[in-house]
Amino acid sequence: MARHGCSLLDSKIRTILTLLATTSLSLMDIARTTGRDRGAIAAVNRRFHIRDYVGRRNTWALNCDLDDVVKSSSELNTTPKAA
């Protein structure tokens, strides 16, 4: 069952990023696989801009390749830049 309200470990975020970038699993399927809720998976996707859904739920375009995911995951401990 999914866990709500828990922070994600860096290793779990890396796993989610890899699944987003390298599989065709839906957000719900990734949530089931990782034991998190769909909202957490969507939040990771929004933070790292892996998939672009363009207002659709079933189709997306990848915004990066696996090398970008590895680079993003290595920068997990850095704080986001202010806009």
PDB file of N, CA and C in Angstrom:
ATOM      1  N   MET A   1       0.843  -1.177   0.000  1.00  0.00           N
ATOM      2  CA  MET A   1       0.000   0.000   0.000  1.00  0.00           C
ATOM      3  C   MET A   1       0.887   1.238   0.000  1.00  0.00           C
ATOM      4  N   ALA A   2       0.436   2.277  -0.647  1.00  0.00           N
ATOM      5  CA  ALA A   2       1.215   3.509  -0.763  1.00  0.00           C
ATOM      6  C   ALA A   2       1.344   4.196   0.583  1.00  0.00           C
ATOM      7  N   ARG A   3       2.441   4.903   0.736  1.00  0.00           N
ATOM      8  CA  ARG A   3       2.687   5.646   1.971  1.00  0.00           C
ATOM      9  C   ARG A   3       2.473   7.120   1.707  1.00  0.00           C
ATOM     10  N   HIS A   4       1.801   7.800   2.603  1.00  0.00           N
ATOM     11  CA  HIS A   4       1.494   9.216   2.443  1.00  0.00           C
ATOM     12  C   HIS A   4       2.253  10.029   3.477  1.00  0.00           C
ATOM     13  N   GLY A   5       2.749  11.185   3.071  1.00  0.00           N
ATOM     14  CA  GLY A   5       3.356  12.114   4.002  1.00  0.00           C
ATOM     15  C   GLY A   5       4.789  11.797   4.403  1.00  0.00           C
ATOM     16  N   CYS A   6       5.451  10.903   3.724  1.00  0.00           N
ATOM     17  CA  CYS A   6       6.832  10.552   4.048  1.00  0.00           C
ATOM     18  C   CYS A   6       7.768  11.162   3.014  1.00  0.00           C
ATOM     19  N   SER A   7       8.922  11.632   3.484  1.00  0.00           N
ATOM     20  CA  SER A   7       9.895  12.151   2.526  1.00  0.00           C
ATOM     21  C   SER A   7      10.546  10.980   1.801  1.00  0.00           C
ATOM     22  N   LEU A   8      10.984  11.246   0.586  1.00  0.00           N
ATOM     23  CA  LEU A   8      11.604  10.204  -0.220  1.00  0.00           C
ATOM     24  C   LEU A   8      13.109  10.225  -0.041  1.00  0.00           C
ATOM     25  N   LEU A   9      13.685   9.074   0.107  1.00  0.00           N
ATOM     26  CA  LEU A   9      15.133   8.954   0.163  1.00  0.00           C
ATOM     27  C   LEU A   9      15.701   9.183  -1.227  1.00  0.00           C
ATOM     28  N   ASP A  10      16.946   9.631  -1.290  1.00  0.00           N
ATOM     29  CA  ASP A  10      17.595   9.869  -2.578  1.00  0.00           C
ATOM     30  C   ASP A  10      17.590   8.615  -3.448  1.00  0.00           C
ATOM     31  N   SER A  11      17.791   7.465  -2.843  1.00  0.00           N
ATOM     32  CA  SER A  11      17.808   6.224  -3.626  1.00  0.00           C
ATOM     33  C   SER A  11      16.445   5.941  -4.234  1.00  0.00           C
ATOM     34  N   LYS A  12      15.376   6.244  -3.506  1.00  0.00           N
ATOM     35  CA  LYS A  12      14.023   6.030  -4.018  1.00  0.00           C
ATOM     36  C   LYS A  12      13.730   7.019  -5.150  1.00  0.00           C
ATOM     37  N   ILE A  13      14.206   8.254  -5.017  1.00  0.00           N
ATOM     38  CA  ILE A  13      14.019   9.247  -6.078  1.00  0.00           C
ATOM     39  C   ILE A  13      14.755   8.802  -7.335  1.00  0.00           C
ATOM     40  N   ARG A  14      15.958   8.279  -7.180  1.00  0.00           N
ATOM     41  CA  ARG A  14      16.716   7.779  -8.341  1.00  0.00           C
ATOM     42  C   ARG A  14      15.965   6.645  -9.041  1.00  0.00           C
ATOM     43  N   THR A  15      15.369   5.760  -8.249  1.00  0.00           N
ATOM     44  CA  THR A  15      14.594   4.668  -8.814  1.00  0.00           C
ATOM     45  C   THR A  15      13.402   5.206  -9.593  1.00  0.00           C
ATOM     46  N   ILE A  16      12.695   6.174  -9.023  1.00  0.00           N
ATOM     47  CA  ILE A  16      11.540   6.775  -9.686  1.00  0.00           C
ATOM     48  C   ILE A  16      11.964   7.468 -10.970  1.00  0.00           C
ATOM     49  N   LEU A  17      13.062   8.216 -10.917  1.00  0.00           N
ATOM     50  CA  LEU A  17      13.551   8.905 -12.117  1.00  0.00           C
ATOM     51  C   LEU A  17      13.893   7.907 -13.219  1.00  0.00           C
ATOM     52  N   THR A  18      14.530   6.826 -12.847  1.00  0.00           N
ATOM     53  CA  THR A  18      14.890   5.807 -13.830  1.00  0.00           C
ATOM     54  C   THR A  18      13.648   5.179 -14.443  1.00  0.00           C
ATOM     55  N   LEU A  19      12.656   4.864 -13.617  1.00  0.00           N
ATOM     56  CA  LEU A  19      11.419   4.280 -14.135  1.00  0.00           C
ATOM     57  C   LEU A  19      10.685   5.254 -15.043  1.00  0.00           C
ATOM     58  N   LEU A  20      10.663   6.523 -14.676  1.00  0.00           N
ATOM     59  CA  LEU A  20      10.002   7.533 -15.518  1.00  0.00           C
ATOM     60  C   LEU A  20      10.691   7.651 -16.875  1.00  0.00           C
ATOM     61  N   ALA A  21      12.011   7.596 -16.875  1.00  0.00           N
ATOM     62  CA  ALA A  21      12.769   7.832 -18.102  1.00  0.00           C
ATOM     63  C   ALA A  21      12.919   6.598 -18.982  1.00  0.00           C
ATOM     64  N   THR A  22      12.858   5.411 -18.404  1.00  0.00           N
ATOM     65  CA  THR A  22      13.217   4.227 -19.185  1.00  0.00           C
ATOM     66  C   THR A  22      12.080   3.234 -19.402  1.00  0.00           C
ATOM     67  N   THR A  23      10.916   3.462 -18.809  1.00  0.00           N
ATOM     68  CA  THR A  23       9.804   2.527 -18.982  1.00  0.00           C
ATOM     69  C   THR A  23       8.583   3.254 -19.505  1.00  0.00           C
ATOM     70  N   SER A  24       7.596   2.483 -19.908  1.00  0.00           N
ATOM     71  CA  SER A  24       6.323   3.068 -20.322  1.00  0.00           C
ATOM     72  C   SER A  24       5.265   2.870 -19.244  1.00  0.00           C
ATOM     73  N   LEU A  25       5.708   2.622 -18.011  1.00  0.00           N
ATOM     74  CA  LEU A  25       4.772   2.460 -16.897  1.00  0.00           C
ATOM     75  C   LEU A  25       4.050   3.771 -16.627  1.00  0.00           C
ATOM     76  N   SER A  26       2.781   3.673 -16.261  1.00  0.00           N
ATOM     77  CA  SER A  26       2.022   4.863 -15.872  1.00  0.00           C
ATOM     78  C   SER A  26       2.500   5.334 -14.499  1.00  0.00           C
ATOM     79  N   LEU A  27       2.110   6.541 -14.137  1.00  0.00           N
ATOM     80  CA  LEU A  27       2.471   7.048 -12.808  1.00  0.00           C
ATOM     81  C   LEU A  27       1.924   6.139 -11.718  1.00  0.00           C
ATOM     82  N   MET A  28       0.696   5.633 -11.899  1.00  0.00           N
ATOM     83  CA  MET A  28       0.106   4.738 -10.909  1.00  0.00           C
ATOM     84  C   MET A  28       0.887   3.432 -10.811  1.00  0.00           C
ATOM     85  N   ASP A  29       1.330   2.901 -11.943  1.00  0.00           N
ATOM     86  CA  ASP A  29       2.122   1.665 -11.919  1.00  0.00           C
ATOM     87  C   ASP A  29       3.471   1.887 -11.240  1.00  0.00           C
ATOM     88  N   ILE A  30       4.084   3.025 -11.492  1.00  0.00           N
ATOM     89  CA  ILE A  30       5.350   3.347 -10.814  1.00  0.00           C
ATOM     90  C   ILE A  30       5.103   3.504  -9.322  1.00  0.00           C
ATOM     91  N   ALA A  31       3.992   4.110  -8.959  1.00  0.00           N
ATOM     92  CA  ALA A  31       3.648   4.260  -7.540  1.00  0.00           C
ATOM     93  C   ALA A  31       3.495   2.897  -6.879  1.00  0.00           C
ATOM     94  N   ARG A  32       2.813   1.985  -7.544  1.00  0.00           N
ATOM     95  CA  ARG A  32       2.650   0.625  -6.994  1.00  0.00           C
ATOM     96  C   ARG A  32       4.002  -0.077  -6.864  1.00  0.00           C
ATOM     97  N   THR A  33       4.842   0.079  -7.871  1.00  0.00           N
ATOM     98  CA  THR A  33       6.146  -0.577  -7.872  1.00  0.00           C
ATOM     99  C   THR A  33       7.033  -0.077  -6.739  1.00  0.00           C
ATOM    100  N   THR A  34       6.980   1.230  -6.479  1.00  0.00           N
ATOM    101  CA  THR A  34       7.864   1.826  -5.475  1.00  0.00           C
ATOM    102  C   THR A  34       7.228   1.935  -4.093  1.00  0.00           C
ATOM    103  N   GLY A  35       5.943   1.644  -3.990  1.00  0.00           N
ATOM    104  CA  GLY A  35       5.271   1.720  -2.700  1.00  0.00           C
ATOM    105  C   GLY A  35       4.954   3.141  -2.264  1.00  0.00           C
ATOM    106  N   ARG A  36       4.839   4.038  -3.194  1.00  0.00           N
ATOM    107  CA  ARG A  36       4.500   5.438  -2.914  1.00  0.00           C
ATOM    108  C   ARG A  36       3.186   5.775  -3.572  1.00  0.00           C
ATOM    109  N   ASP A  37       2.650   6.962  -3.287  1.00  0.00           N
ATOM    110  CA  ASP A  37       1.403   7.342  -3.944  1.00  0.00           C
ATOM    111  C   ASP A  37       1.678   8.043  -5.267  1.00  0.00           C
ATOM    112  N   ARG A  38       0.654   8.106  -6.110  1.00  0.00           N
ATOM    113  CA  ARG A  38       0.801   8.680  -7.439  1.00  0.00           C
ATOM    114  C   ARG A  38       1.214  10.134  -7.373  1.00  0.00           C
ATOM    115  N   GLY A  39       0.740  10.853  -6.372  1.00  0.00           N
ATOM    116  CA  GLY A  39       1.097  12.258  -6.218  1.00  0.00           C
ATOM    117  C   GLY A  39       2.583  12.468  -5.983  1.00  0.00           C
ATOM    118  N   ALA A  40       3.205  11.562  -5.255  1.00  0.00           N
ATOM    119  CA  ALA A  40       4.651  11.663  -5.020  1.00  0.00           C
ATOM    120  C   ALA A  40       5.420  11.440  -6.309  1.00  0.00           C
ATOM    121  N   ILE A  41       4.948  10.487  -7.116  1.00  0.00           N
ATOM    122  CA  ILE A  41       5.606  10.220  -8.400  1.00  0.00           C
ATOM    123  C   ILE A  41       5.444  11.426  -9.322  1.00  0.00           C
ATOM    124  N   ALA A  42       4.244  11.995  -9.343  1.00  0.00           N
ATOM    125  CA  ALA A  42       3.988  13.181 -10.161  1.00  0.00           C
ATOM    126  C   ALA A  42       4.843  14.359  -9.699  1.00  0.00           C
ATOM    127  N   ALA A  43       5.032  14.494  -8.384  1.00  0.00           N
ATOM    128  CA  ALA A  43       5.858  15.582  -7.853  1.00  0.00           C
ATOM    129  C   ALA A  43       7.318  15.425  -8.282  1.00  0.00           C
ATOM    130  N   VAL A  44       7.824  14.197  -8.258  1.00  0.00           N
ATOM    131  CA  VAL A  44       9.195  13.950  -8.717  1.00  0.00           C
ATOM    132  C   VAL A  44       9.299  14.278 -10.205  1.00  0.00           C
ATOM    133  N   ASN A  45       8.301  13.880 -10.978  1.00  0.00           N
ATOM    134  CA  ASN A  45       8.306  14.175 -12.405  1.00  0.00           C
ATOM    135  C   ASN A  45       8.288  15.686 -12.654  1.00  0.00           C
ATOM    136  N   ARG A  46       7.475  16.414 -11.896  1.00  0.00           N
ATOM    137  CA  ARG A  46       7.432  17.879 -12.050  1.00  0.00           C
ATOM    138  C   ARG A  46       8.762  18.516 -11.667  1.00  0.00           C
ATOM    139  N   ARG A  47       9.371  18.031 -10.607  1.00  0.00           N
ATOM    140  CA  ARG A  47      10.630  18.623 -10.137  1.00  0.00           C
ATOM    141  C   ARG A  47      11.761  18.442 -11.152  1.00  0.00           C
ATOM    142  N   PHE A  48      11.842  17.255 -11.737  1.00  0.00           N
ATOM    143  CA  PHE A  48      12.949  16.938 -12.619  1.00  0.00           C
ATOM    144  C   PHE A  48      12.605  17.012 -14.108  1.00  0.00           C
ATOM    145  N   HIS A  49      11.341  17.294 -14.434  1.00  0.00           N
ATOM    146  CA  HIS A  49      10.906  17.490 -15.822  1.00  0.00           C
ATOM    147  C   HIS A  49      11.270  16.308 -16.719  1.00  0.00           C
ATOM    148  N   ILE A  50      10.938  15.098 -16.261  1.00  0.00           N
ATOM    149  CA  ILE A  50      11.276  13.901 -17.021  1.00  0.00           C
ATOM    150  C   ILE A  50      10.273  13.692 -18.159  1.00  0.00           C
ATOM    151  N   ARG A  51       8.999  13.642 -17.830  1.00  0.00           N
ATOM    152  CA  ARG A  51       7.949  13.430 -18.825  1.00  0.00           C
ATOM    153  C   ARG A  51       7.105  14.693 -18.961  1.00  0.00           C
ATOM    154  N   ASP A  52       6.725  15.002 -20.204  1.00  0.00           N
ATOM    155  CA  ASP A  52       5.838  16.126 -20.468  1.00  0.00           C
ATOM    156  C   ASP A  52       4.514  15.551 -20.962  1.00  0.00           C
ATOM    157  N   TYR A  53       3.475  15.695 -20.152  1.00  0.00           N
ATOM    158  CA  TYR A  53       2.182  15.109 -20.487  1.00  0.00           C
ATOM    159  C   TYR A  53       1.331  16.011 -21.375  1.00  0.00           C
ATOM    160  N   VAL A  54       1.637  17.269 -21.501  1.00  0.00           N
ATOM    161  CA  VAL A  54       0.942  18.221 -22.362  1.00  0.00           C
ATOM    162  C   VAL A  54      -0.577  18.114 -22.181  1.00  0.00           C
ATOM    163  N   GLY A  55      -1.019  18.062 -20.937  1.00  0.00           N
ATOM    164  CA  GLY A  55      -2.444  18.019 -20.642  1.00  0.00           C
ATOM    165  C   GLY A  55      -3.114  16.670 -20.844  1.00  0.00           C
ATOM    166  N   ARG A  56      -2.380  15.661 -21.247  1.00  0.00           N
ATOM    167  CA  ARG A  56      -2.954  14.328 -21.454  1.00  0.00           C
ATOM    168  C   ARG A  56      -2.539  13.410 -20.309  1.00  0.00           C
ATOM    169  N   ARG A  57      -3.296  12.371 -20.097  1.00  0.00           N
ATOM    170  CA  ARG A  57      -2.959  11.433 -19.027  1.00  0.00           C
ATOM    171  C   ARG A  57      -2.261  10.182 -19.547  1.00  0.00           C
ATOM    172  N   ASN A  58      -2.542   9.801 -20.764  1.00  0.00           N
ATOM    173  CA  ASN A  58      -2.053   8.520 -21.265  1.00  0.00           C
ATOM    174  C   ASN A  58      -0.858   8.615 -22.194  1.00  0.00           C
ATOM    175  N   THR A  59      -0.532   9.790 -22.662  1.00  0.00           N
ATOM    176  CA  THR A  59       0.615   9.933 -23.557  1.00  0.00           C
ATOM    177  C   THR A  59       1.534  11.018 -23.028  1.00  0.00           C
ATOM    178  N   TRP A  60       2.803  10.871 -23.324  1.00  0.00           N
ATOM    179  CA  TRP A  60       3.780  11.854 -22.875  1.00  0.00           C
ATOM    180  C   TRP A  60       4.964  11.853 -23.814  1.00  0.00           C
ATOM    181  N   ALA A  61       5.767  12.884 -23.669  1.00  0.00           N
ATOM    182  CA  ALA A  61       7.036  12.981 -24.396  1.00  0.00           C
ATOM    183  C   ALA A  61       8.139  13.073 -23.358  1.00  0.00           C
ATOM    184  N   LEU A  62       9.225  12.361 -23.592  1.00  0.00           N
ATOM    185  CA  LEU A  62      10.364  12.457 -22.677  1.00  0.00           C
ATOM    186  C   LEU A  62      11.091  13.768 -22.921  1.00  0.00           C
ATOM    187  N   ASN A  63      11.422  14.444 -21.855  1.00  0.00           N
ATOM    188  CA  ASN A  63      12.157  15.697 -21.948  1.00  0.00           C
ATOM    189  C   ASN A  63      13.649  15.497 -21.816  1.00  0.00           C
ATOM    190  N   CYS A  64      14.085  14.256 -21.609  1.00  0.00           N
ATOM    191  CA  CYS A  64      15.506  14.008 -21.377  1.00  0.00           C
ATOM    192  C   CYS A  64      15.841  12.578 -21.764  1.00  0.00           C
ATOM    193  N   ASP A  65      17.114  12.267 -21.697  1.00  0.00           N
ATOM    194  CA  ASP A  65      17.527  10.882 -21.877  1.00  0.00           C
ATOM    195  C   ASP A  65      18.102  10.377 -20.555  1.00  0.00           C
ATOM    196  N   LEU A  66      18.535   9.146 -20.529  1.00  0.00           N
ATOM    197  CA  LEU A  66      18.996   8.539 -19.282  1.00  0.00           C
ATOM    198  C   LEU A  66      20.195   9.274 -18.701  1.00  0.00           C
ATOM    199  N   ASP A  67      21.068   9.808 -19.545  1.00  0.00           N
ATOM    200  CA  ASP A  67      22.223  10.563 -19.039  1.00  0.00           C
ATOM    201  C   ASP A  67      21.774  11.792 -18.261  1.00  0.00           C
ATOM    202  N   ASP A  68      20.719  12.456 -18.735  1.00  0.00           N
ATOM    203  CA  ASP A  68      20.176  13.611 -18.017  1.00  0.00           C
ATOM    204  C   ASP A  68      19.594  13.201 -16.670  1.00  0.00           C
ATOM    205  N   VAL A  69      18.959  12.040 -16.630  1.00  0.00           N
ATOM    206  CA  VAL A  69      18.383  11.539 -15.377  1.00  0.00           C
ATOM    207  C   VAL A  69      19.485  11.280 -14.367  1.00  0.00           C
ATOM    208  N   VAL A  70      20.570  10.653 -14.816  1.00  0.00           N
ATOM    209  CA  VAL A  70      21.694  10.377 -13.925  1.00  0.00           C
ATOM    210  C   VAL A  70      22.269  11.688 -13.399  1.00  0.00           C
ATOM    211  N   LYS A  71      22.405  12.673 -14.267  1.00  0.00           N
ATOM    212  CA  LYS A  71      22.920  13.971 -13.857  1.00  0.00           C
ATOM    213  C   LYS A  71      21.981  14.626 -12.849  1.00  0.00           C
ATOM    214  N   SER A  72      20.680  14.577 -13.106  1.00  0.00           N
ATOM    215  CA  SER A  72      19.698  15.160 -12.201  1.00  0.00           C
ATOM    216  C   SER A  72      19.734  14.480 -10.845  1.00  0.00           C
ATOM    217  N   SER A  73      19.832  13.160 -10.861  1.00  0.00           N
ATOM    218  CA  SER A  73      19.820  12.436  -9.592  1.00  0.00           C
ATOM    219  C   SER A  73      21.095  12.668  -8.795  1.00  0.00           C
ATOM    220  N   SER A  74      22.190  13.020  -9.464  1.00  0.00           N
ATOM    221  CA  SER A  74      23.417  13.311  -8.727  1.00  0.00           C
ATOM    222  C   SER A  74      23.353  14.689  -8.082  1.00  0.00           C
ATOM    223  N   GLU A  75      22.388  15.497  -8.491  1.00  0.00           N
ATOM    224  CA  GLU A  75      22.233  16.839  -7.938  1.00  0.00           C
ATOM    225  C   GLU A  75      21.076  16.905  -6.947  1.00  0.00           C
ATOM    226  N   LEU A  76      20.669  15.769  -6.380  1.00  0.00           N
ATOM    227  CA  LEU A  76      19.524  15.729  -5.490  1.00  0.00           C
ATOM    228  C   LEU A  76      19.710  16.578  -4.239  1.00  0.00           C
ATOM    229  N   ASN A  77      20.895  16.638  -3.731  1.00  0.00           N
ATOM    230  CA  ASN A  77      21.113  17.347  -2.469  1.00  0.00           C
ATOM    231  C   ASN A  77      21.302  18.852  -2.646  1.00  0.00           C
ATOM    232  N   THR A  78      21.256  19.327  -3.880  1.00  0.00           N
ATOM    233  CA  THR A  78      21.384  20.764  -4.116  1.00  0.00           C
ATOM    234  C   THR A  78      20.019  21.412  -4.032  1.00  0.00           C
ATOM    235  N   THR A  79      19.985  22.629  -3.566  1.00  0.00           N
ATOM    236  CA  THR A  79      18.717  23.320  -3.448  1.00  0.00           C
ATOM    237  C   THR A  79      18.367  23.959  -4.791  1.00  0.00           C
ATOM    238  N   PRO A  80      17.081  24.011  -5.118  1.00  0.00           N
ATOM    239  CA  PRO A  80      16.682  24.608  -6.393  1.00  0.00           C
ATOM    240  C   PRO A  80      17.000  26.095  -6.409  1.00  0.00           C
ATOM    241  N   LYS A  81      17.321  26.600  -7.597  1.00  0.00           N
ATOM    242  CA  LYS A  81      17.617  28.016  -7.755  1.00  0.00           C
ATOM    243  C   LYS A  81      16.328  28.823  -7.691  1.00  0.00           C
ATOM    244  N   ALA A  82      16.401  29.974  -7.066  1.00  0.00           N
ATOM    245  CA  ALA A  82      15.241  30.856  -6.982  1.00  0.00           C
ATOM    246  C   ALA A  82      14.963  31.454  -8.346  1.00  0.00           C
ATOM    247  N   ALA A  83      13.697  31.603  -8.654  1.00  0.00           N
ATOM    248  CA  ALA A  83      13.313  32.167  -9.962  1.00  0.00           C
ATOM    249  C   ALA A  83      13.423  33.673  -9.964  1.00  0.00           C
TER     250      ALA A  83
END
